[in-house]
């Protein structure tokens, strides 16, 4: 017991917290991550997938019936950035041309446009031309999920069993089957409508601190410019085209045979045109693989009586006309490209 005035310093007790072993902390972290992922998956599975609702526009088919076009160009933004409709119409007069092109469209949409829009026309066109890049014709599941699903349904008056079969990967491709099974077991895309708007509001609020009074639309455009694909790819490794080594199997599992069958049944003269990507960085191996794929594709189309044209052979389409490596053309080239195409390749549209 201390005495008053005693200056002796009492010892201080220090309690040391016992540290958990590293393997226990790692295990707890892994369990926490798995629990969080499991919670997200359970939440996603609790959301019922939207039932099929036909958004099919009869007005568009009636418009085609009225216009009775001689030439129909089908594609995506590759077509929209290449052909100026008034210029094309003036150059082809008195023949008429129509563009059935939509941003982000791939072979699933092209199949539906051919089946549900062009094939039912009472007066069949003189020529139907489908524009594609790389191996898009043999990738039936390209751009068919998430935000693209509603777009696809808008071209379907009713569920399409053949399309559904093509969108389900075959058993022979274990990697595709695994990816499909995982997507079905953990349908995270169902969460998109619930989280997209809150994330967008949060990002606008965050970027608004540095946006100098820009409205939300201008902020979104600024962010898109920063993270544009061309900007990101310029810092990345050249992308792998990912061509299927087994070309016959790739074709058999694609929508290409279905498009050819529809064209033959309705006596529609069909042509496929390949759009080059001269600014896309590729090494010699990738170029060789692409050339081999396209050679097999050309032989397949010729064997089935379908015309094929590779724009790589069009020397007048220069790299300077391209906006980026995706194959889009600069906006100011729209009219000039239309004129050059009709001048140099009139047989493609005949």
Protein backbone atom coordinates (compact mmCIF):
# COMPACT_ATOMS: atom_id res chain seq x y z
CA UNK A 1 0.00 0.00 0.00
CA UNK A 2 1.48 3.30 -1.00
CA UNK A 3 2.27 6.02 1.48
CA UNK A 4 1.16 9.62 0.91
CA UNK A 5 3.82 11.51 -0.88
CA UNK A 6 5.48 8.34 -2.09
CA UNK A 7 6.72 8.99 -5.62
CA UNK A 8 7.16 5.33 -6.50
CA UNK A 9 5.77 4.64 -9.96
CA UNK A 10 3.34 1.74 -10.01
CA UNK A 11 3.90 -0.77 -12.83
CA UNK A 12 1.42 -0.60 -15.69
CA UNK A 13 -0.17 -3.85 -16.85
CA UNK A 14 -0.11 -4.31 -20.61
CA UNK A 15 -2.56 -6.77 -22.11
CA UNK A 16 -1.53 -8.21 -25.46
CA UNK A 17 -4.19 -9.47 -27.76
CA UNK A 18 -3.43 -12.88 -29.03
CA UNK A 19 -3.02 -12.91 -32.80
CA UNK A 20 -4.90 -15.54 -34.81
CA UNK A 21 -2.80 -17.77 -37.04
CA UNK A 22 -2.56 -16.61 -40.65
CA UNK A 23 -4.35 -19.69 -41.98
CA UNK A 24 -7.36 -19.01 -39.75
CA UNK A 25 -7.59 -15.38 -40.88
CA UNK A 26 -7.32 -16.52 -44.52
CA UNK A 27 -10.03 -19.11 -43.96
CA UNK A 28 -12.34 -16.58 -42.35
CA UNK A 29 -11.80 -14.20 -45.29
CA UNK A 30 -12.59 -16.93 -47.81
CA UNK A 31 -15.72 -17.93 -45.91
CA UNK A 32 -16.84 -14.29 -45.75
CA UNK A 33 -16.35 -13.88 -49.50
CA UNK A 34 -18.20 -17.13 -50.24
CA UNK A 35 -21.01 -16.10 -47.93
CA UNK A 36 -21.31 -12.75 -49.69
CA UNK A 37 -21.33 -14.39 -53.13
CA UNK A 38 -23.87 -16.93 -51.95
CA UNK A 39 -26.09 -14.15 -50.66
CA UNK A 40 -25.93 -12.37 -54.03
CA UNK A 41 -26.73 -15.60 -55.90
CA UNK A 42 -29.68 -16.34 -53.63
CA UNK A 43 -30.96 -12.80 -54.16
CA UNK A 44 -30.57 -13.12 -57.93
CA UNK A 45 -32.38 -16.47 -58.01
CA UNK A 46 -35.22 -15.04 -55.96
CA UNK A 47 -36.01 -12.63 -58.81
CA UNK A 48 -38.27 -14.30 -61.35
CA UNK A 49 -37.07 -13.97 -64.95
CA UNK A 50 -39.42 -11.80 -66.98
CA UNK A 51 -41.94 -13.78 -68.99
CA UNK A 52 -41.78 -13.42 -72.76
CA UNK A 53 -43.67 -10.36 -73.86
CA UNK A 54 -43.94 -9.81 -77.56
CA UNK A 55 -42.69 -6.33 -78.48
CA UNK A 56 -42.86 -7.18 -82.15
CA UNK A 57 -43.75 -4.18 -84.28
CA UNK A 58 -46.21 -4.96 -87.02
CA UNK A 59 -45.82 -1.37 -88.15
CA UNK A 60 -42.27 -2.11 -89.30
CA UNK A 61 -43.35 -5.09 -91.40
CA UNK A 62 -46.21 -3.09 -92.91
CA UNK A 63 -43.71 -0.36 -93.77
CA UNK A 64 -41.57 -2.89 -95.61
CA UNK A 65 -44.61 -4.13 -97.50
CA UNK A 66 -45.40 -0.57 -98.58
CA UNK A 67 -41.83 0.32 -99.55
CA UNK A 68 -41.25 -2.95 -101.44
CA UNK A 69 -37.47 -2.49 -101.43
CA UNK A 70 -35.37 -4.14 -104.12
CA UNK A 71 -32.33 -4.26 -101.84
CA UNK A 72 -32.27 -4.93 -98.08
CA UNK A 73 -29.09 -4.32 -96.10
CA UNK A 74 -28.97 -6.12 -92.74
CA UNK A 75 -26.38 -5.51 -90.02
CA UNK A 76 -25.46 -3.37 -87.06
CA UNK A 77 -23.51 -0.15 -86.56
CA UNK A 78 -21.13 -1.32 -89.31
CA UNK A 79 -23.97 -0.65 -91.75
CA UNK A 80 -25.21 2.48 -89.99
CA UNK A 81 -21.76 4.12 -90.21
CA UNK A 82 -21.28 3.15 -93.87
CA UNK A 83 -24.49 3.86 -95.74
CA UNK A 84 -26.33 7.16 -96.04
CA UNK A 85 -29.92 6.14 -96.94
CA UNK A 86 -30.85 9.22 -99.05
CA UNK A 87 -27.59 8.97 -101.00
CA UNK A 88 -28.01 5.22 -101.48
CA UNK A 89 -31.59 5.73 -102.66
CA UNK A 90 -30.54 8.40 -105.15
CA UNK A 91 -27.75 6.26 -106.58
CA UNK A 92 -29.92 3.15 -106.97
CA UNK A 93 -33.05 4.88 -108.31
CA UNK A 94 -35.49 3.74 -109.56
CA UNK A 95 -34.65 0.69 -107.44
CA UNK A 96 -35.33 1.08 -103.71
CA UNK A 97 -33.11 0.15 -100.76
CA UNK A 98 -33.85 -0.33 -97.06
CA UNK A 99 -31.49 -0.61 -94.09
CA UNK A 100 -32.44 -3.08 -91.34
CA UNK A 101 -29.53 -2.25 -89.05
CA UNK A 102 -29.44 -1.81 -85.29
CA UNK A 103 -26.59 -0.95 -82.94
CA UNK A 104 -25.22 -4.04 -81.20
CA UNK A 105 -27.08 -6.49 -83.43
CA UNK A 106 -25.42 -9.85 -84.09
CA UNK A 107 -26.39 -13.11 -85.80
CA UNK A 108 -29.43 -13.78 -83.56
CA UNK A 109 -30.99 -10.45 -84.60
CA UNK A 110 -30.02 -10.94 -88.27
CA UNK A 111 -31.70 -14.35 -88.26
CA UNK A 112 -34.89 -12.86 -86.80
CA UNK A 113 -34.89 -9.94 -89.24
CA UNK A 114 -34.53 -12.31 -92.15
CA UNK A 115 -37.21 -14.69 -90.85
CA UNK A 116 -39.81 -12.29 -89.46
CA UNK A 117 -39.31 -9.16 -91.59
CA UNK A 118 -37.86 -10.00 -94.98
CA UNK A 119 -39.13 -13.52 -95.66
CA UNK A 120 -42.85 -12.65 -95.20
CA UNK A 121 -42.67 -9.83 -97.78
CA UNK A 122 -45.15 -10.41 -100.62
CA UNK A 123 -42.74 -9.00 -103.14
CA UNK A 124 -39.33 -10.51 -102.42
CA UNK A 125 -36.26 -8.26 -102.71
CA UNK A 126 -33.80 -8.68 -105.57
CA UNK A 127 -30.96 -8.90 -103.05
CA UNK A 128 -30.51 -9.30 -99.29
CA UNK A 129 -27.04 -8.39 -97.98
CA UNK A 130 -25.88 -9.21 -94.45
CA UNK A 131 -22.76 -7.44 -93.20
CA UNK A 132 -20.59 -9.02 -90.49
CA UNK A 133 -17.17 -8.85 -88.84
CA UNK A 134 -14.72 -11.56 -87.85
CA UNK A 135 -16.51 -14.77 -86.75
CA UNK A 136 -19.86 -13.17 -85.86
CA UNK A 137 -21.76 -15.52 -88.18
CA UNK A 138 -20.73 -18.58 -86.16
CA UNK A 139 -21.24 -17.06 -82.69
CA UNK A 140 -25.01 -17.41 -82.13
CA UNK A 141 -24.89 -16.37 -78.47
CA UNK A 142 -23.05 -13.12 -79.16
CA UNK A 143 -24.98 -10.18 -77.63
CA UNK A 144 -28.08 -12.15 -76.65
CA UNK A 145 -28.18 -11.72 -72.85
CA UNK A 146 -28.66 -8.85 -70.41
CA UNK A 147 -29.66 -5.63 -72.11
CA UNK A 148 -29.70 -7.33 -75.53
CA UNK A 149 -32.43 -9.79 -74.57
CA UNK A 150 -35.27 -7.27 -74.81
CA UNK A 151 -33.95 -6.09 -78.18
CA UNK A 152 -34.02 -9.66 -79.50
CA UNK A 153 -37.56 -10.19 -78.21
CA UNK A 154 -38.69 -7.09 -80.08
CA UNK A 155 -38.03 -8.94 -83.35
CA UNK A 156 -40.03 -12.03 -82.29
CA UNK A 157 -43.83 -12.21 -82.61
CA UNK A 158 -43.65 -15.41 -80.53
CA UNK A 159 -40.97 -17.53 -78.85
CA UNK A 160 -38.64 -19.08 -81.43
CA UNK A 161 -37.74 -22.70 -80.54
CA UNK A 162 -34.98 -22.90 -83.17
CA UNK A 163 -33.31 -19.78 -81.84
CA UNK A 164 -33.53 -21.11 -78.30
CA UNK A 165 -31.83 -24.35 -79.39
CA UNK A 166 -29.00 -22.40 -81.00
CA UNK A 167 -28.56 -20.28 -77.89
CA UNK A 168 -28.10 -23.39 -75.75
CA UNK A 169 -24.51 -24.64 -76.11
CA UNK A 170 -23.93 -28.20 -77.22
CA UNK A 171 -22.66 -30.89 -74.88
CA UNK A 172 -19.53 -31.36 -76.96
CA UNK A 173 -18.18 -27.98 -75.81
CA UNK A 174 -17.60 -28.48 -72.12
CA UNK A 175 -16.37 -24.93 -71.57
CA UNK A 176 -19.50 -23.45 -73.15
CA UNK A 177 -21.70 -25.88 -71.25
CA UNK A 178 -19.96 -24.93 -67.99
CA UNK A 179 -20.42 -21.23 -68.64
CA UNK A 180 -24.07 -21.78 -69.55
CA UNK A 181 -24.68 -23.88 -66.42
CA UNK A 182 -23.04 -21.28 -64.19
CA UNK A 183 -25.10 -18.49 -65.76
CA UNK A 184 -28.30 -20.47 -65.23
CA UNK A 185 -27.36 -21.40 -61.65
CA UNK A 186 -26.28 -17.88 -60.73
CA UNK A 187 -28.37 -15.55 -62.95
CA UNK A 188 -26.70 -12.34 -61.81
CA UNK A 189 -28.06 -10.49 -64.86
CA UNK A 190 -31.48 -10.46 -63.15
CA UNK A 191 -30.07 -7.96 -60.65
CA UNK A 192 -29.30 -5.44 -63.37
CA UNK A 193 -32.64 -3.53 -63.26
CA UNK A 194 -32.44 -3.30 -59.44
CA UNK A 195 -28.86 -2.03 -59.22
CA UNK A 196 -28.34 -0.06 -62.43
CA UNK A 197 -30.30 3.05 -61.44
CA UNK A 198 -28.83 3.39 -57.89
CA UNK A 199 -25.30 2.92 -59.24
CA UNK A 200 -25.94 5.47 -61.98
CA UNK A 201 -27.23 8.02 -59.44
CA UNK A 202 -24.26 7.39 -57.15
CA UNK A 203 -21.75 7.74 -59.98
CA UNK A 204 -23.39 10.95 -61.18
CA UNK A 205 -23.25 12.31 -57.63
CA UNK A 206 -19.60 11.37 -57.31
CA UNK A 207 -18.52 12.73 -60.68
CA UNK A 208 -20.65 15.81 -60.09
CA UNK A 209 -18.08 16.97 -57.53
CA UNK A 210 -15.60 17.43 -60.39
CA UNK A 211 -17.95 18.00 -63.31
CA UNK A 212 -17.94 21.82 -63.26
CA UNK A 213 -21.71 22.15 -63.57
CA UNK A 214 -22.24 19.52 -66.29
CA UNK A 215 -25.67 17.89 -66.39
CA UNK A 216 -26.08 14.12 -66.04
CA UNK A 217 -26.12 13.45 -69.79
CA UNK A 218 -22.91 15.43 -70.28
CA UNK A 219 -21.31 13.64 -67.31
CA UNK A 220 -22.21 10.26 -68.79
CA UNK A 221 -20.73 11.24 -72.14
CA UNK A 222 -17.54 12.43 -70.44
CA UNK A 223 -17.19 9.14 -68.55
CA UNK A 224 -17.89 7.14 -71.72
CA UNK A 225 -15.19 9.08 -73.55
CA UNK A 226 -12.65 8.30 -70.83
CA UNK A 227 -13.49 4.61 -70.79
CA UNK A 228 -14.13 4.23 -74.53
CA UNK A 229 -13.17 0.86 -75.94
CA UNK A 230 -10.58 2.37 -78.22
CA UNK A 231 -8.95 4.16 -75.29
CA UNK A 232 -8.82 1.03 -73.14
CA UNK A 233 -7.67 -1.29 -75.91
CA UNK A 234 -4.80 1.00 -76.81
CA UNK A 235 -3.29 0.15 -73.43
CA UNK A 236 -4.14 -3.54 -73.54
CA UNK A 237 -2.81 -6.61 -75.28
CA UNK A 238 -4.20 -7.28 -78.75
CA UNK A 239 -7.51 -9.13 -78.35
CA UNK A 240 -7.76 -12.81 -79.25
CA UNK A 241 -10.32 -13.35 -82.02
CA UNK A 242 -11.09 -16.71 -80.42
CA UNK A 243 -11.96 -18.53 -83.66
CA UNK A 244 -13.30 -22.02 -83.18
CA UNK A 245 -10.72 -24.52 -84.39
CA UNK A 246 -13.51 -26.94 -85.37
CA UNK A 247 -15.14 -24.95 -88.15
CA UNK A 248 -17.76 -27.58 -89.17
CA UNK A 249 -19.00 -27.83 -85.57
CA UNK A 250 -19.04 -24.04 -85.22
CA UNK A 251 -21.19 -23.69 -88.33
CA UNK A 252 -23.47 -26.57 -87.38
CA UNK A 253 -24.21 -24.96 -83.99
CA UNK A 254 -24.73 -21.48 -85.43
CA UNK A 255 -27.69 -19.70 -87.03
CA UNK A 256 -25.96 -19.55 -90.41
CA UNK A 257 -27.58 -22.78 -91.74
CA UNK A 258 -30.97 -21.46 -90.61
CA UNK A 259 -30.50 -18.17 -92.44
CA UNK A 260 -29.47 -20.00 -95.61
CA UNK A 261 -32.48 -22.33 -95.30
CA UNK A 262 -34.88 -19.38 -94.93
CA UNK A 263 -33.37 -17.66 -97.97
CA UNK A 264 -33.69 -20.82 -100.09
CA UNK A 265 -37.26 -21.49 -98.97
CA UNK A 266 -38.35 -17.98 -99.90
CA UNK A 267 -36.06 -17.70 -102.98
CA UNK A 268 -34.23 -14.74 -101.46
CA UNK A 269 -30.90 -13.97 -103.18
CA UNK A 270 -28.53 -13.78 -100.21
CA UNK A 271 -25.06 -12.25 -99.93
CA UNK A 272 -22.72 -12.02 -96.95
CA UNK A 273 -20.18 -9.18 -96.81
CA UNK A 274 -17.25 -9.25 -94.40
CA UNK A 275 -16.23 -5.91 -92.87
CA UNK A 276 -12.46 -5.60 -92.23
CA UNK A 277 -10.87 -4.03 -89.15
CA UNK A 278 -7.56 -2.61 -90.45
CA UNK A 279 -6.80 -0.73 -87.21
CA UNK A 280 -7.26 -3.81 -85.00
CA UNK A 281 -3.85 -4.85 -83.62
CA UNK A 282 -3.17 -8.47 -84.60
CA UNK A 283 -0.03 -10.54 -84.69
CA UNK A 284 0.80 -12.93 -87.52
CA UNK A 285 -0.75 -15.90 -85.71
CA UNK A 286 -4.09 -14.11 -85.34
CA UNK A 287 -4.02 -13.01 -88.98
CA UNK A 288 -3.36 -16.57 -90.08
CA UNK A 289 -6.20 -17.91 -87.96
CA UNK A 290 -8.60 -15.30 -89.34
CA UNK A 291 -7.55 -16.01 -92.92
CA UNK A 292 -8.08 -19.76 -92.37
CA UNK A 293 -11.49 -19.19 -90.84
CA UNK A 294 -12.64 -16.91 -93.66
CA UNK A 295 -11.39 -19.34 -96.33
CA UNK A 296 -13.49 -22.13 -94.80
CA UNK A 297 -16.47 -19.79 -94.47
CA UNK A 298 -16.24 -18.77 -98.13
CA UNK A 299 -16.13 -22.41 -99.27
CA UNK A 300 -19.12 -23.24 -97.07
CA UNK A 301 -21.19 -20.38 -98.51
CA UNK A 302 -20.24 -21.21 -102.09
CA UNK A 303 -21.18 -24.85 -101.49
CA UNK A 304 -24.67 -23.69 -100.46
CA UNK A 305 -25.10 -21.29 -103.37
CA UNK A 306 -24.69 -18.12 -101.29
CA UNK A 307 -22.60 -15.18 -102.45
CA UNK A 308 -19.71 -13.88 -100.35
CA UNK A 309 -17.65 -10.71 -100.58
CA UNK A 310 -14.69 -9.69 -98.44
CA UNK A 311 -14.25 -5.92 -98.18
CA UNK A 312 -10.57 -6.54 -97.49
CA UNK A 313 -10.26 -6.72 -101.26
CA UNK A 314 -11.76 -3.23 -101.67
CA UNK A 315 -8.63 -1.06 -101.92
CA UNK A 316 -10.73 2.11 -101.93
CA UNK A 317 -11.79 1.50 -98.29
CA UNK A 318 -8.71 2.88 -96.59
CA UNK A 319 -7.65 2.73 -92.95
CA UNK A 320 -7.96 6.53 -92.80
CA UNK A 321 -11.72 6.21 -93.23
CA UNK A 322 -11.99 4.16 -90.02
CA UNK A 323 -12.84 5.72 -86.68
CA UNK A 324 -11.25 3.01 -84.52
CA UNK A 325 -10.23 -0.65 -84.55
CA UNK A 326 -13.84 -1.82 -84.20
CA UNK A 327 -14.47 -1.17 -87.91
CA UNK A 328 -16.73 1.89 -87.56
CA UNK A 329 -16.19 4.62 -90.10
CA UNK A 330 -15.89 8.30 -89.38
CA UNK A 331 -19.17 10.18 -89.62
CA UNK A 332 -17.88 12.46 -92.38
CA UNK A 333 -17.18 9.42 -94.56
CA UNK A 334 -20.83 8.30 -94.69
CA UNK A 335 -21.85 9.80 -98.02
CA UNK A 336 -18.48 9.18 -99.68
CA UNK A 337 -18.45 5.52 -98.65
CA UNK A 338 -21.98 5.04 -99.99
CA UNK A 339 -20.94 6.52 -103.34
CA UNK A 340 -17.77 4.44 -103.53
CA UNK A 341 -19.58 1.22 -102.63
CA UNK A 342 -22.21 1.67 -105.34
CA UNK A 343 -19.53 2.74 -107.85
CA UNK A 344 -17.09 -0.11 -107.23
CA UNK A 345 -19.40 -2.92 -106.07
CA UNK A 346 -22.68 -2.55 -107.96
CA UNK A 347 -22.86 -6.35 -108.42
CA UNK A 348 -23.14 -6.84 -104.64
CA UNK A 349 -26.46 -4.99 -104.69
CA UNK A 350 -27.81 -6.63 -107.86
